[in-house]
Amino acid sequence: MKQKDLLILLIPMFLVTVLWVIFNIYHNHVSSTITDPLTVQIIPIDGNFNRASLESIKDRKRTEPLFIAPVKEVDETTPTISPTPTAQATGTASPSAAPVNQEGL
């Protein structure tokens, strides 16, 4: 691609981008949802932090959680119930599941 062709593409793209940004700014300015009395009531947040409070949080004593669950002792005189095995039925194939002979069709 020649330099002239590239310039022909870049200039309209730049103009469209600039116009797009300008119209978006204008649209946001015109269609603002914040009313004038509300803008007067909104005050900026103070950026000052109480450093003494931050230091006291840093100096807190750390506690380590215990993840050891209490072990329940098993009484050996108590009989335990073991699960009984259940009989499983063996199925047979139905006639519809048998392979179809191509010659019989």
C-alpha atoms as a PDB file:
ATOM      1  CA  MET A   1       0.000   0.000   0.000  1.00  0.00           C
ATOM      2  CA  LYS A   2       1.339   3.405  -0.889  1.00  0.00           C
ATOM      3  CA  GLN A   3       1.858   6.196   1.590  1.00  0.00           C
ATOM      4  CA  LYS A   4      -0.863   8.272  -0.088  1.00  0.00           C
ATOM      5  CA  ASP A   5      -3.388   5.431   0.308  1.00  0.00           C
ATOM      6  CA  LEU A   6      -2.493   5.062   3.946  1.00  0.00           C
ATOM      7  CA  LEU A   7      -2.942   8.797   4.497  1.00  0.00           C
ATOM      8  CA  ILE A   8      -6.354   8.679   2.788  1.00  0.00           C
ATOM      9  CA  LEU A   9      -7.440   6.021   5.317  1.00  0.00           C
ATOM     10  CA  LEU A  10      -5.910   7.567   8.427  1.00  0.00           C
ATOM     11  CA  ILE A  11      -7.299  11.100   8.076  1.00  0.00           C
ATOM     12  CA  PRO A  12     -11.010  10.111   7.943  1.00  0.00           C
ATOM     13  CA  MET A  13     -10.507   7.587  10.755  1.00  0.00           C
ATOM     14  CA  PHE A  14      -8.907  10.270  12.903  1.00  0.00           C
ATOM     15  CA  LEU A  15     -11.716  12.743  12.164  1.00  0.00           C
ATOM     16  CA  VAL A  16     -14.416  10.172  12.946  1.00  0.00           C
ATOM     17  CA  THR A  17     -12.700   9.275  16.229  1.00  0.00           C
ATOM     18  CA  VAL A  18     -12.390  12.928  17.303  1.00  0.00           C
ATOM     19  CA  LEU A  19     -16.017  13.648  16.393  1.00  0.00           C
ATOM     20  CA  TRP A  20     -17.163  10.516  18.220  1.00  0.00           C
ATOM     21  CA  VAL A  21     -15.399  11.613  21.426  1.00  0.00           C
ATOM     22  CA  ILE A  22     -16.797  15.165  21.149  1.00  0.00           C
ATOM     23  CA  PHE A  23     -20.371  13.958  20.628  1.00  0.00           C
ATOM     24  CA  ASN A  24     -20.089  11.498  23.532  1.00  0.00           C
ATOM     25  CA  ILE A  25     -18.905  14.268  25.839  1.00  0.00           C
ATOM     26  CA  TYR A  26     -21.734  16.515  24.667  1.00  0.00           C
ATOM     27  CA  HIS A  27     -24.328  13.741  25.084  1.00  0.00           C
ATOM     28  CA  ASN A  28     -23.146  12.960  28.633  1.00  0.00           C
ATOM     29  CA  HIS A  29     -23.243  16.635  29.534  1.00  0.00           C
ATOM     30  CA  VAL A  30     -26.774  17.112  28.193  1.00  0.00           C
ATOM     31  CA  SER A  31     -28.270  13.898  29.580  1.00  0.00           C
ATOM     32  CA  SER A  32     -26.784  14.008  33.092  1.00  0.00           C
ATOM     33  CA  THR A  33     -28.998  12.300  35.675  1.00  0.00           C
ATOM     34  CA  ILE A  34     -27.694  14.310  38.628  1.00  0.00           C
ATOM     35  CA  THR A  35     -29.930  17.268  39.421  1.00  0.00           C
ATOM     36  CA  ASP A  36     -28.538  20.672  40.430  1.00  0.00           C
ATOM     37  CA  PRO A  37     -29.635  20.507  44.107  1.00  0.00           C
ATOM     38  CA  LEU A  38     -27.985  17.119  44.400  1.00  0.00           C
ATOM     39  CA  THR A  39     -24.692  18.379  42.961  1.00  0.00           C
ATOM     40  CA  VAL A  40     -24.637  21.058  45.665  1.00  0.00           C
ATOM     41  CA  GLN A  41     -25.146  18.418  48.377  1.00  0.00           C
ATOM     42  CA  ILE A  42     -22.377  16.143  47.108  1.00  0.00           C
ATOM     43  CA  ILE A  43     -19.120  16.891  48.879  1.00  0.00           C
ATOM     44  CA  PRO A  44     -15.757  15.295  48.134  1.00  0.00           C
ATOM     45  CA  ILE A  45     -14.357  12.669  50.497  1.00  0.00           C
ATOM     46  CA  ASP A  46     -11.596  13.923  52.751  1.00  0.00           C
ATOM     47  CA  GLY A  47      -8.358  12.124  51.923  1.00  0.00           C
ATOM     48  CA  ASN A  48      -6.840  12.383  55.405  1.00  0.00           C
ATOM     49  CA  PHE A  49      -6.421   9.116  57.301  1.00  0.00           C
ATOM     50  CA  ASN A  50      -6.008   8.677  61.000  1.00  0.00           C
ATOM     51  CA  ARG A  51      -2.546   7.125  61.029  1.00  0.00           C
ATOM     52  CA  ALA A  52      -2.775   6.250  64.744  1.00  0.00           C
ATOM     53  CA  SER A  53      -5.774   4.015  64.030  1.00  0.00           C
ATOM     54  CA  LEU A  54      -3.934   2.332  61.158  1.00  0.00           C
ATOM     55  CA  GLU A  55      -0.934   1.661  63.380  1.00  0.00           C
ATOM     56  CA  SER A  56      -3.128   0.222  66.139  1.00  0.00           C
ATOM     57  CA  ILE A  57      -4.672  -2.152  63.603  1.00  0.00           C
ATOM     58  CA  LYS A  58      -1.197  -3.244  62.506  1.00  0.00           C
ATOM     59  CA  ASP A  59      -0.145  -3.838  66.148  1.00  0.00           C
ATOM     60  CA  ARG A  60      -3.061  -6.158  66.953  1.00  0.00           C
ATOM     61  CA  LYS A  61      -2.230  -9.532  68.386  1.00  0.00           C
ATOM     62  CA  ARG A  62      -2.680 -12.244  65.808  1.00  0.00           C
ATOM     63  CA  THR A  63      -4.416 -15.439  66.793  1.00  0.00           C
ATOM     64  CA  GLU A  64      -3.927 -18.725  65.030  1.00  0.00           C
ATOM     65  CA  PRO A  65      -7.036 -20.863  64.545  1.00  0.00           C
ATOM     66  CA  LEU A  66      -6.990 -24.426  65.808  1.00  0.00           C
ATOM     67  CA  PHE A  67      -8.101 -26.883  63.197  1.00  0.00           C
ATOM     68  CA  ILE A  68      -7.961 -29.929  65.458  1.00  0.00           C
ATOM     69  CA  ALA A  69     -11.372 -31.503  65.919  1.00  0.00           C
ATOM     70  CA  PRO A  70     -12.043 -33.328  69.162  1.00  0.00           C
ATOM     71  CA  VAL A  71     -11.644 -37.078  68.728  1.00  0.00           C
ATOM     72  CA  LYS A  72     -14.546 -39.134  69.975  1.00  0.00           C
ATOM     73  CA  GLU A  73     -13.413 -42.356  71.585  1.00  0.00           C
ATOM     74  CA  VAL A  74     -15.080 -45.530  70.357  1.00  0.00           C
ATOM     75  CA  ASP A  75     -16.493 -47.830  73.001  1.00  0.00           C
ATOM     76  CA  GLU A  76     -15.391 -51.345  72.055  1.00  0.00           C
ATOM     77  CA  THR A  77     -18.282 -52.978  73.895  1.00  0.00           C
ATOM     78  CA  THR A  78     -20.810 -51.299  71.602  1.00  0.00           C
ATOM     79  CA  PRO A  79     -21.484 -53.505  68.570  1.00  0.00           C
ATOM     80  CA  THR A  80     -21.222 -51.878  65.195  1.00  0.00           C
ATOM     81  CA  ILE A  81     -23.700 -52.545  62.444  1.00  0.00           C
ATOM     82  CA  SER A  82     -22.217 -53.553  59.141  1.00  0.00           C
ATOM     83  CA  PRO A  83     -24.146 -53.022  55.932  1.00  0.00           C
ATOM     84  CA  THR A  84     -25.766 -56.093  54.472  1.00  0.00           C
ATOM     85  CA  PRO A  85     -25.090 -56.892  50.829  1.00  0.00           C
ATOM     86  CA  THR A  86     -28.099 -56.582  48.560  1.00  0.00           C
ATOM     87  CA  ALA A  87     -28.868 -58.958  45.751  1.00  0.00           C
ATOM     88  CA  GLN A  88     -28.702 -57.424  42.314  1.00  0.00           C
ATOM     89  CA  ALA A  89     -31.075 -58.586  39.621  1.00  0.00           C
ATOM     90  CA  THR A  90     -29.558 -59.805  36.416  1.00  0.00           C
ATOM     91  CA  GLY A  91     -31.471 -58.603  33.398  1.00  0.00           C
ATOM     92  CA  THR A  92     -32.016 -60.355  30.116  1.00  0.00           C
ATOM     93  CA  ALA A  93     -32.210 -58.694  26.765  1.00  0.00           C
ATOM     94  CA  SER A  94     -35.648 -58.113  25.326  1.00  0.00           C
ATOM     95  CA  PRO A  95     -36.483 -59.382  21.828  1.00  0.00           C
ATOM     96  CA  SER A  96     -36.444 -55.832  20.480  1.00  0.00           C
ATOM     97  CA  ALA A  97     -32.798 -55.503  21.454  1.00  0.00           C
ATOM     98  CA  ALA A  98     -31.764 -58.485  19.333  1.00  0.00           C
ATOM     99  CA  PRO A  99     -29.875 -57.680  16.109  1.00  0.00           C
ATOM    100  CA  VAL A 100     -32.008 -57.448  12.987  1.00  0.00           C
ATOM    101  CA  ASN A 101     -31.284 -59.798  10.117  1.00  0.00           C
ATOM    102  CA  GLN A 102     -31.018 -57.846   6.870  1.00  0.00           C
ATOM    103  CA  GLU A 103     -32.338 -60.736   4.830  1.00  0.00           C
ATOM    104  CA  GLY A 104     -35.569 -60.908   6.799  1.00  0.00           C
ATOM    105  CA  LEU A 105     -36.744 -57.398   5.802  1.00  0.00           C
END
